[in-house]
Amino acid sequence: MDKSSRLVKYFLILITIAWGLGLIVFIMKNLDRTSISYQNESQKFSHAPEELIFSFPICH
């Protein structure tokens, strides 16, 4: 019983961590619209140059 309950605890912890990471990624993707990073700069430029122009004041 101890081993099975331990496995269940680890499984729940893994699910919680995975869910938390998914939530963080989801939030970061939503924040990308307002904040900009060097990696997203090239992606935004290829998709919508207007977004780059609007987000330049944030960089400076």
C-alpha atoms as a PDB file:
ATOM      1  CA  MET A   1       0.000   0.000   0.000  1.00  0.00           C
ATOM      2  CA  ASP A   2       2.840   2.413   0.781  1.00  0.00           C
ATOM      3  CA  LYS A   3       4.397   2.030  -2.665  1.00  0.00           C
ATOM      4  CA  SER A   4       1.099   2.529  -4.495  1.00  0.00           C
ATOM      5  CA  SER A   5       0.162   5.582  -2.420  1.00  0.00           C
ATOM      6  CA  ARG A   6       3.644   6.976  -3.037  1.00  0.00           C
ATOM      7  CA  LEU A   7       3.190   6.487  -6.782  1.00  0.00           C
ATOM      8  CA  VAL A   8      -0.171   8.246  -6.628  1.00  0.00           C
ATOM      9  CA  LYS A   9       1.427  11.184  -4.799  1.00  0.00           C
ATOM     10  CA  TYR A  10       4.226  11.449  -7.384  1.00  0.00           C
ATOM     11  CA  PHE A  11       1.647  11.183 -10.176  1.00  0.00           C
ATOM     12  CA  LEU A  12      -0.445  13.996  -8.687  1.00  0.00           C
ATOM     13  CA  ILE A  13       2.684  16.122  -8.209  1.00  0.00           C
ATOM     14  CA  LEU A  14       3.698  15.548 -11.841  1.00  0.00           C
ATOM     15  CA  ILE A  15       0.197  16.471 -13.046  1.00  0.00           C
ATOM     16  CA  THR A  16       0.262  19.633 -10.916  1.00  0.00           C
ATOM     17  CA  ILE A  17       3.689  20.630 -12.259  1.00  0.00           C
ATOM     18  CA  ALA A  18       2.640  19.946 -15.860  1.00  0.00           C
ATOM     19  CA  TRP A  19      -0.590  21.932 -15.378  1.00  0.00           C
ATOM     20  CA  GLY A  20       1.357  24.796 -13.799  1.00  0.00           C
ATOM     21  CA  LEU A  21       3.847  24.872 -16.664  1.00  0.00           C
ATOM     22  CA  GLY A  22       0.993  24.853 -19.179  1.00  0.00           C
ATOM     23  CA  LEU A  23      -0.653  27.735 -17.359  1.00  0.00           C
ATOM     24  CA  ILE A  24       2.630  29.692 -17.289  1.00  0.00           C
ATOM     25  CA  VAL A  25       3.131  29.145 -21.037  1.00  0.00           C
ATOM     26  CA  PHE A  26      -0.462  30.254 -21.682  1.00  0.00           C
ATOM     27  CA  ILE A  27       0.040  33.423 -19.613  1.00  0.00           C
ATOM     28  CA  MET A  28       3.375  34.183 -21.296  1.00  0.00           C
ATOM     29  CA  LYS A  29       1.784  33.858 -24.749  1.00  0.00           C
ATOM     30  CA  ASN A  30      -0.924  36.329 -23.719  1.00  0.00           C
ATOM     31  CA  LEU A  31       1.672  38.731 -22.254  1.00  0.00           C
ATOM     32  CA  ASP A  32       3.612  38.599 -25.535  1.00  0.00           C
ATOM     33  CA  ARG A  33       1.030  40.957 -27.045  1.00  0.00           C
ATOM     34  CA  THR A  34       2.001  43.762 -24.649  1.00  0.00           C
ATOM     35  CA  SER A  35       5.642  42.986 -23.848  1.00  0.00           C
ATOM     36  CA  ILE A  36       8.351  42.111 -26.351  1.00  0.00           C
ATOM     37  CA  SER A  37      11.508  40.018 -26.242  1.00  0.00           C
ATOM     38  CA  TYR A  38      14.335  39.682 -28.757  1.00  0.00           C
ATOM     39  CA  GLN A  39      13.135  36.198 -29.768  1.00  0.00           C
ATOM     40  CA  ASN A  40       9.592  37.366 -30.497  1.00  0.00           C
ATOM     41  CA  GLU A  41      10.790  40.470 -32.343  1.00  0.00           C
ATOM     42  CA  SER A  42      11.591  38.551 -35.533  1.00  0.00           C
ATOM     43  CA  GLN A  43       8.387  36.502 -35.281  1.00  0.00           C
ATOM     44  CA  LYS A  44       6.244  39.615 -34.838  1.00  0.00           C
ATOM     45  CA  PHE A  45       8.023  41.317 -37.721  1.00  0.00           C
ATOM     46  CA  SER A  46       7.153  38.459 -40.069  1.00  0.00           C
ATOM     47  CA  HIS A  47       3.529  38.351 -38.880  1.00  0.00           C
ATOM     48  CA  ALA A  48       2.593  41.983 -38.183  1.00  0.00           C
ATOM     49  CA  PRO A  49       5.079  44.869 -38.609  1.00  0.00           C
ATOM     50  CA  GLU A  50       2.549  47.252 -37.013  1.00  0.00           C
ATOM     51  CA  GLU A  51       2.893  45.451 -33.676  1.00  0.00           C
ATOM     52  CA  LEU A  52       6.658  46.004 -33.795  1.00  0.00           C
ATOM     53  CA  ILE A  53       6.230  49.747 -34.329  1.00  0.00           C
ATOM     54  CA  PHE A  54       3.786  50.002 -31.404  1.00  0.00           C
ATOM     55  CA  SER A  55       6.036  47.992 -29.091  1.00  0.00           C
ATOM     56  CA  PHE A  56       9.254  49.932 -29.776  1.00  0.00           C
ATOM     57  CA  PRO A  57       8.637  52.527 -26.998  1.00  0.00           C
ATOM     58  CA  ILE A  58       8.513  49.613 -24.520  1.00  0.00           C
ATOM     59  CA  CYS A  59      12.038  48.601 -25.532  1.00  0.00           C
ATOM     60  CA  HIS A  60      13.443  52.078 -24.896  1.00  0.00           C
END
